[in-house]
């Protein structure tokens, strides 16, 4: 199990929502999650490796001007 991301939660609560500490610490995790969802939108799942490989094959990076392709 991953530990709770306290630094990110506090940064969002204090920095983005500008909550007073007593208000932040009275929030439930579900309330905080809803606030994050309201600001950032729904969470997205990262690409699976196969999906990334497919995109890389379909849209390869072109070398920058002056860089070799080795």
PDB file of N, CA and C in Angstrom:
ATOM      1  N   UNK A   1       0.838  -1.170   0.000  1.00  0.00           N
ATOM      2  CA  UNK A   1       0.000   0.000   0.000  1.00  0.00           C
ATOM      3  C   UNK A   1       0.893   1.246   0.000  1.00  0.00           C
ATOM      4  N   UNK A   2       0.532   2.210  -0.836  1.00  0.00           N
ATOM      5  CA  UNK A   2       1.285   3.458  -0.895  1.00  0.00           C
ATOM      6  C   UNK A   2       0.941   4.335   0.304  1.00  0.00           C
ATOM      7  N   UNK A   3       1.918   5.041   0.853  1.00  0.00           N
ATOM      8  CA  UNK A   3       1.597   5.973   1.935  1.00  0.00           C
ATOM      9  C   UNK A   3       0.783   7.150   1.394  1.00  0.00           C
ATOM     10  N   UNK A   4       0.000   7.754   2.268  1.00  0.00           N
ATOM     11  CA  UNK A   4      -0.812   8.892   1.861  1.00  0.00           C
ATOM     12  C   UNK A   4       0.105  10.040   1.452  1.00  0.00           C
ATOM     13  N   UNK A   5      -0.179  10.708   0.329  1.00  0.00           N
ATOM     14  CA  UNK A   5       0.697  11.785  -0.154  1.00  0.00           C
ATOM     15  C   UNK A   5       0.443  13.109   0.589  1.00  0.00           C
ATOM     16  N   UNK A   6       0.909  13.162   1.839  1.00  0.00           N
ATOM     17  CA  UNK A   6       0.637  14.331   2.679  1.00  0.00           C
ATOM     18  C   UNK A   6       1.178  15.623   2.084  1.00  0.00           C
ATOM     19  N   UNK A   7       2.366  15.606   1.528  1.00  0.00           N
ATOM     20  CA  UNK A   7       2.949  16.841   0.978  1.00  0.00           C
ATOM     21  C   UNK A   7       2.081  17.383  -0.152  1.00  0.00           C
ATOM     22  N   UNK A   8       1.624  16.506  -1.030  1.00  0.00           N
ATOM     23  CA  UNK A   8       0.770  16.946  -2.138  1.00  0.00           C
ATOM     24  C   UNK A   8      -0.581  17.429  -1.628  1.00  0.00           C
ATOM     25  N   UNK A   9      -1.145  16.723  -0.651  1.00  0.00           N
ATOM     26  CA  UNK A   9      -2.446  17.105  -0.093  1.00  0.00           C
ATOM     27  C   UNK A   9      -2.367  18.462   0.592  1.00  0.00           C
ATOM     28  N   UNK A  10      -1.330  18.655   1.400  1.00  0.00           N
ATOM     29  CA  UNK A  10      -1.182  19.941   2.091  1.00  0.00           C
ATOM     30  C   UNK A  10      -0.886  21.055   1.097  1.00  0.00           C
ATOM     31  N   UNK A  11      -0.055  20.784   0.102  1.00  0.00           N
ATOM     32  CA  UNK A  11       0.237  21.783  -0.911  1.00  0.00           C
ATOM     33  C   UNK A  11      -1.016  22.211  -1.656  1.00  0.00           C
ATOM     34  N   UNK A  12      -1.867  21.251  -1.979  1.00  0.00           N
ATOM     35  CA  UNK A  12      -3.109  21.572  -2.685  1.00  0.00           C
ATOM     36  C   UNK A  12      -4.065  22.327  -1.758  1.00  0.00           C
ATOM     37  N   UNK A  13      -4.221  21.830  -0.541  1.00  0.00           N
ATOM     38  CA  UNK A  13      -5.153  22.459   0.399  1.00  0.00           C
ATOM     39  C   UNK A  13      -4.762  23.880   0.770  1.00  0.00           C
ATOM     40  N   UNK A  14      -3.481  24.072   1.078  1.00  0.00           N
ATOM     41  CA  UNK A  14      -3.032  25.402   1.496  1.00  0.00           C
ATOM     42  C   UNK A  14      -2.718  26.303   0.308  1.00  0.00           C
ATOM     43  N   UNK A  15      -2.070  25.761  -0.708  1.00  0.00           N
ATOM     44  CA  UNK A  15      -1.614  26.579  -1.822  1.00  0.00           C
ATOM     45  C   UNK A  15      -2.656  26.844  -2.883  1.00  0.00           C
ATOM     46  N   UNK A  16      -3.414  25.823  -3.251  1.00  0.00           N
ATOM     47  CA  UNK A  16      -4.400  25.989  -4.323  1.00  0.00           C
ATOM     48  C   UNK A  16      -5.746  26.445  -3.754  1.00  0.00           C
ATOM     49  N   UNK A  17      -6.235  25.706  -2.758  1.00  0.00           N
ATOM     50  CA  UNK A  17      -7.527  26.054  -2.178  1.00  0.00           C
ATOM     51  C   UNK A  17      -7.434  27.208  -1.179  1.00  0.00           C
ATOM     52  N   UNK A  18      -6.228  27.490  -0.706  1.00  0.00           N
ATOM     53  CA  UNK A  18      -5.979  28.564   0.259  1.00  0.00           C
ATOM     54  C   UNK A  18      -6.800  28.392   1.533  1.00  0.00           C
ATOM     55  N   UNK A  19      -6.851  27.148   2.008  1.00  0.00           N
ATOM     56  CA  UNK A  19      -7.593  26.833   3.225  1.00  0.00           C
ATOM     57  C   UNK A  19      -6.783  27.219   4.459  1.00  0.00           C
ATOM     58  N   UNK A  20      -7.477  27.632   5.486  1.00  0.00           N
ATOM     59  CA  UNK A  20      -6.835  27.844   6.784  1.00  0.00           C
ATOM     60  C   UNK A  20      -6.490  26.462   7.345  1.00  0.00           C
ATOM     61  N   UNK A  21      -5.407  26.356   8.135  1.00  0.00           N
ATOM     62  CA  UNK A  21      -5.023  25.040   8.648  1.00  0.00           C
ATOM     63  C   UNK A  21      -6.136  24.305   9.387  1.00  0.00           C
ATOM     64  N   UNK A  22      -6.907  25.003  10.217  1.00  0.00           N
ATOM     65  CA  UNK A  22      -7.965  24.302  10.960  1.00  0.00           C
ATOM     66  C   UNK A  22      -9.040  23.749  10.022  1.00  0.00           C
ATOM     67  N   UNK A  23      -9.320  24.442   8.944  1.00  0.00           N
ATOM     68  CA  UNK A  23     -10.306  23.955   7.967  1.00  0.00           C
ATOM     69  C   UNK A  23      -9.743  22.737   7.226  1.00  0.00           C
ATOM     70  N   UNK A  24      -8.489  22.832   6.798  1.00  0.00           N
ATOM     71  CA  UNK A  24      -7.866  21.715   6.086  1.00  0.00           C
ATOM     72  C   UNK A  24      -7.874  20.451   6.941  1.00  0.00           C
ATOM     73  N   UNK A  25      -7.449  20.559   8.200  1.00  0.00           N
ATOM     74  CA  UNK A  25      -7.325  19.372   9.041  1.00  0.00           C
ATOM     75  C   UNK A  25      -8.669  18.800   9.474  1.00  0.00           C
ATOM     76  N   UNK A  26      -9.754  19.549   9.328  1.00  0.00           N
ATOM     77  CA  UNK A  26     -11.088  19.018   9.627  1.00  0.00           C
ATOM     78  C   UNK A  26     -11.700  18.299   8.424  1.00  0.00           C
ATOM     79  N   UNK A  27     -11.112  18.489   7.246  1.00  0.00           N
ATOM     80  CA  UNK A  27     -11.649  17.828   6.050  1.00  0.00           C
ATOM     81  C   UNK A  27     -11.412  16.323   6.114  1.00  0.00           C
ATOM     82  N   UNK A  28     -12.353  15.591   5.552  1.00  0.00           N
ATOM     83  CA  UNK A  28     -12.134  14.150   5.403  1.00  0.00           C
ATOM     84  C   UNK A  28     -11.370  13.919   4.101  1.00  0.00           C
ATOM     85  N   UNK A  29     -10.708  12.786   3.957  1.00  0.00           N
ATOM     86  CA  UNK A  29     -10.036  12.498   2.687  1.00  0.00           C
ATOM     87  C   UNK A  29     -10.998  12.549   1.497  1.00  0.00           C
ATOM     88  N   UNK A  30     -12.228  12.125   1.696  1.00  0.00           N
ATOM     89  CA  UNK A  30     -13.211  12.158   0.606  1.00  0.00           C
ATOM     90  C   UNK A  30     -13.532  13.599   0.211  1.00  0.00           C
ATOM     91  N   UNK A  31     -13.653  14.495   1.189  1.00  0.00           N
ATOM     92  CA  UNK A  31     -13.903  15.910   0.879  1.00  0.00           C
ATOM     93  C   UNK A  31     -12.731  16.517   0.118  1.00  0.00           C
ATOM     94  N   UNK A  32     -11.523  16.214   0.556  1.00  0.00           N
ATOM     95  CA  UNK A  32     -10.341  16.718  -0.140  1.00  0.00           C
ATOM     96  C   UNK A  32     -10.287  16.170  -1.566  1.00  0.00           C
ATOM     97  N   UNK A  33     -10.595  14.895  -1.728  1.00  0.00           N
ATOM     98  CA  UNK A  33     -10.592  14.291  -3.067  1.00  0.00           C
ATOM     99  C   UNK A  33     -11.610  14.979  -3.978  1.00  0.00           C
ATOM    100  N   UNK A  34     -12.763  15.316  -3.449  1.00  0.00           N
ATOM    101  CA  UNK A  34     -13.770  16.011  -4.257  1.00  0.00           C
ATOM    102  C   UNK A  34     -13.316  17.411  -4.633  1.00  0.00           C
ATOM    103  N   UNK A  35     -12.617  18.087  -3.716  1.00  0.00           N
ATOM    104  CA  UNK A  35     -12.086  19.414  -4.026  1.00  0.00           C
ATOM    105  C   UNK A  35     -11.031  19.317  -5.132  1.00  0.00           C
ATOM    106  N   UNK A  36     -10.154  18.324  -5.045  1.00  0.00           N
ATOM    107  CA  UNK A  36      -9.145  18.112  -6.087  1.00  0.00           C
ATOM    108  C   UNK A  36      -9.838  17.829  -7.413  1.00  0.00           C
ATOM    109  N   UNK A  37     -10.834  16.971  -7.392  1.00  0.00           N
ATOM    110  CA  UNK A  37     -11.578  16.621  -8.603  1.00  0.00           C
ATOM    111  C   UNK A  37     -12.246  17.859  -9.211  1.00  0.00           C
ATOM    112  N   UNK A  38     -12.798  18.735  -8.370  1.00  0.00           N
ATOM    113  CA  UNK A  38     -13.474  19.930  -8.864  1.00  0.00           C
ATOM    114  C   UNK A  38     -12.503  20.873  -9.564  1.00  0.00           C
ATOM    115  N   UNK A  39     -11.269  20.942  -9.071  1.00  0.00           N
ATOM    116  CA  UNK A  39     -10.271  21.852  -9.650  1.00  0.00           C
ATOM    117  C   UNK A  39      -9.554  21.210 -10.834  1.00  0.00           C
ATOM    118  N   UNK A  40      -9.086  19.987 -10.664  1.00  0.00           N
ATOM    119  CA  UNK A  40      -8.244  19.337 -11.677  1.00  0.00           C
ATOM    120  C   UNK A  40      -8.993  18.457 -12.658  1.00  0.00           C
ATOM    121  N   UNK A  41     -10.225  18.123 -12.362  1.00  0.00           N
ATOM    122  CA  UNK A  41     -10.979  17.214 -13.216  1.00  0.00           C
ATOM    123  C   UNK A  41     -10.718  15.772 -12.820  1.00  0.00           C
ATOM    124  N   UNK A  42     -11.320  14.847 -13.531  1.00  0.00           N
ATOM    125  CA  UNK A  42     -11.164  13.434 -13.168  1.00  0.00           C
ATOM    126  C   UNK A  42      -9.730  12.944 -13.373  1.00  0.00           C
ATOM    127  N   UNK A  43      -9.347  12.015 -12.541  1.00  0.00           N
ATOM    128  CA  UNK A  43      -8.015  11.420 -12.673  1.00  0.00           C
ATOM    129  C   UNK A  43      -7.980  10.571 -13.940  1.00  0.00           C
ATOM    130  N   UNK A  44      -6.842  10.563 -14.581  1.00  0.00           N
ATOM    131  CA  UNK A  44      -6.687   9.729 -15.765  1.00  0.00           C
ATOM    132  C   UNK A  44      -5.693   8.615 -15.463  1.00  0.00           C
ATOM    133  N   UNK A  45      -5.886   7.517 -16.136  1.00  0.00           N
ATOM    134  CA  UNK A  45      -4.965   6.400 -15.956  1.00  0.00           C
ATOM    135  C   UNK A  45      -3.807   6.551 -16.923  1.00  0.00           C
ATOM    136  N   UNK A  46      -2.615   6.260 -16.459  1.00  0.00           N
ATOM    137  CA  UNK A  46      -1.473   6.344 -17.381  1.00  0.00           C
ATOM    138  C   UNK A  46      -1.583   5.297 -18.485  1.00  0.00           C
ATOM    139  N   UNK A  47      -0.882   5.552 -19.578  1.00  0.00           N
ATOM    140  CA  UNK A  47      -0.856   4.600 -20.686  1.00  0.00           C
ATOM    141  C   UNK A  47      -0.192   3.298 -20.254  1.00  0.00           C
ATOM    142  N   UNK A  48      -0.713   2.224 -20.770  1.00  0.00           N
ATOM    143  CA  UNK A  48      -0.043   0.932 -20.594  1.00  0.00           C
ATOM    144  C   UNK A  48       1.173   0.926 -21.525  1.00  0.00           C
ATOM    145  N   UNK A  49       2.150   0.104 -21.231  1.00  0.00           N
ATOM    146  CA  UNK A  49       3.381   0.064 -22.030  1.00  0.00           C
ATOM    147  C   UNK A  49       3.082  -0.221 -23.494  1.00  0.00           C
ATOM    148  N   UNK A  50       2.158  -1.119 -23.764  1.00  0.00           N
ATOM    149  CA  UNK A  50       1.815  -1.441 -25.145  1.00  0.00           C
ATOM    150  C   UNK A  50       1.222  -0.245 -25.883  1.00  0.00           C
ATOM    151  N   UNK A  51       0.400   0.545 -25.187  1.00  0.00           N
ATOM    152  CA  UNK A  51      -0.176   1.741 -25.805  1.00  0.00           C
ATOM    153  C   UNK A  51       0.908   2.768 -26.122  1.00  0.00           C
ATOM    154  N   UNK A  52       1.855   2.928 -25.204  1.00  0.00           N
ATOM    155  CA  UNK A  52       2.969   3.846 -25.432  1.00  0.00           C
ATOM    156  C   UNK A  52       3.818   3.377 -26.612  1.00  0.00           C
ATOM    157  N   UNK A  53       4.126   2.095 -26.648  1.00  0.00           N
ATOM    158  CA  UNK A  53       4.917   1.554 -27.762  1.00  0.00           C
ATOM    159  C   UNK A  53       4.209   1.777 -29.095  1.00  0.00           C
ATOM    160  N   UNK A  54       2.885   1.599 -29.120  1.00  0.00           N
ATOM    161  CA  UNK A  54       2.120   1.822 -30.338  1.00  0.00           C
ATOM    162  C   UNK A  54       2.213   3.286 -30.772  1.00  0.00           C
ATOM    163  N   UNK A  55       2.061   4.212 -29.837  1.00  0.00           N
ATOM    164  CA  UNK A  55       2.170   5.630 -30.177  1.00  0.00           C
ATOM    165  C   UNK A  55       3.564   5.991 -30.667  1.00  0.00           C
ATOM    166  N   UNK A  56       4.593   5.429 -30.021  1.00  0.00           N
ATOM    167  CA  UNK A  56       5.970   5.700 -30.448  1.00  0.00           C
ATOM    168  C   UNK A  56       6.225   5.177 -31.859  1.00  0.00           C
ATOM    169  N   UNK A  57       5.637   4.028 -32.171  1.00  0.00           N
ATOM    170  CA  UNK A  57       5.814   3.474 -33.519  1.00  0.00           C
ATOM    171  C   UNK A  57       5.070   4.317 -34.561  1.00  0.00           C
ATOM    172  N   UNK A  58       3.889   4.781 -34.207  1.00  0.00           N
ATOM    173  CA  UNK A  58       3.089   5.571 -35.152  1.00  0.00           C
ATOM    174  C   UNK A  58       3.591   6.999 -35.308  1.00  0.00           C
ATOM    175  N   UNK A  59       4.148   7.560 -34.239  1.00  0.00           N
ATOM    176  CA  UNK A  59       4.598   8.955 -34.258  1.00  0.00           C
ATOM    177  C   UNK A  59       6.019   9.056 -33.716  1.00  0.00           C
ATOM    178  N   UNK A  60       7.006   8.559 -34.470  1.00  0.00           N
ATOM    179  CA  UNK A  60       8.382   8.583 -33.968  1.00  0.00           C
ATOM    180  C   UNK A  60       8.889  10.025 -33.841  1.00  0.00           C
ATOM    181  N   UNK A  61       9.749  10.230 -32.855  1.00  0.00           N
ATOM    182  CA  UNK A  61      10.389  11.538 -32.691  1.00  0.00           C
ATOM    183  C   UNK A  61      11.357  11.752 -33.835  1.00  0.00           C
ATOM    184  N   UNK A  62      11.291  12.912 -34.438  1.00  0.00           N
ATOM    185  CA  UNK A  62      12.244  13.264 -35.491  1.00  0.00           C
ATOM    186  C   UNK A  62      13.431  13.941 -34.818  1.00  0.00           C
ATOM    187  N   UNK A  63      14.631  13.690 -35.312  1.00  0.00           N
ATOM    188  CA  UNK A  63      15.783  14.369 -34.716  1.00  0.00           C
ATOM    189  C   UNK A  63      15.650  15.881 -34.903  1.00  0.00           C
ATOM    190  N   UNK A  64      16.114  16.614 -33.908  1.00  0.00           N
ATOM    191  CA  UNK A  64      16.109  18.069 -34.012  1.00  0.00           C
ATOM    192  C   UNK A  64      17.110  18.531 -35.053  1.00  0.00           C
ATOM    193  N   UNK A  65      16.908  19.692 -35.557  1.00  0.00           N
ATOM    194  CA  UNK A  65      17.821  20.243 -36.564  1.00  0.00           C
ATOM    195  C   UNK A  65      19.229  20.268 -36.001  1.00  0.00           C
ATOM    196  N   UNK A  66      20.159  19.679 -36.714  1.00  0.00           N
ATOM    197  CA  UNK A  66      21.552  19.649 -36.294  1.00  0.00           C
ATOM    198  C   UNK A  66      21.916  18.441 -35.443  1.00  0.00           C
ATOM    199  N   UNK A  67      20.942  17.599 -35.041  1.00  0.00           N
ATOM    200  CA  UNK A  67      21.237  16.399 -34.255  1.00  0.00           C
ATOM    201  C   UNK A  67      21.269  15.196 -35.190  1.00  0.00           C
ATOM    202  N   UNK A  68      22.144  14.254 -34.877  1.00  0.00           N
ATOM    203  CA  UNK A  68      22.183  13.046 -35.699  1.00  0.00           C
ATOM    204  C   UNK A  68      21.137  12.073 -35.175  1.00  0.00           C
ATOM    205  N   UNK A  69      20.812  11.076 -35.983  1.00  0.00           N
ATOM    206  CA  UNK A  69      19.789  10.097 -35.641  1.00  0.00           C
ATOM    207  C   UNK A  69      20.402   8.790 -35.189  1.00  0.00           C
ATOM    208  N   UNK A  70      21.630   8.804 -34.616  1.00  0.00           N
ATOM    209  CA  UNK A  70      22.261   7.549 -34.200  1.00  0.00           C
ATOM    210  C   UNK A  70      21.875   7.295 -32.811  1.00  0.00           C
TER     211      UNK A  70
END
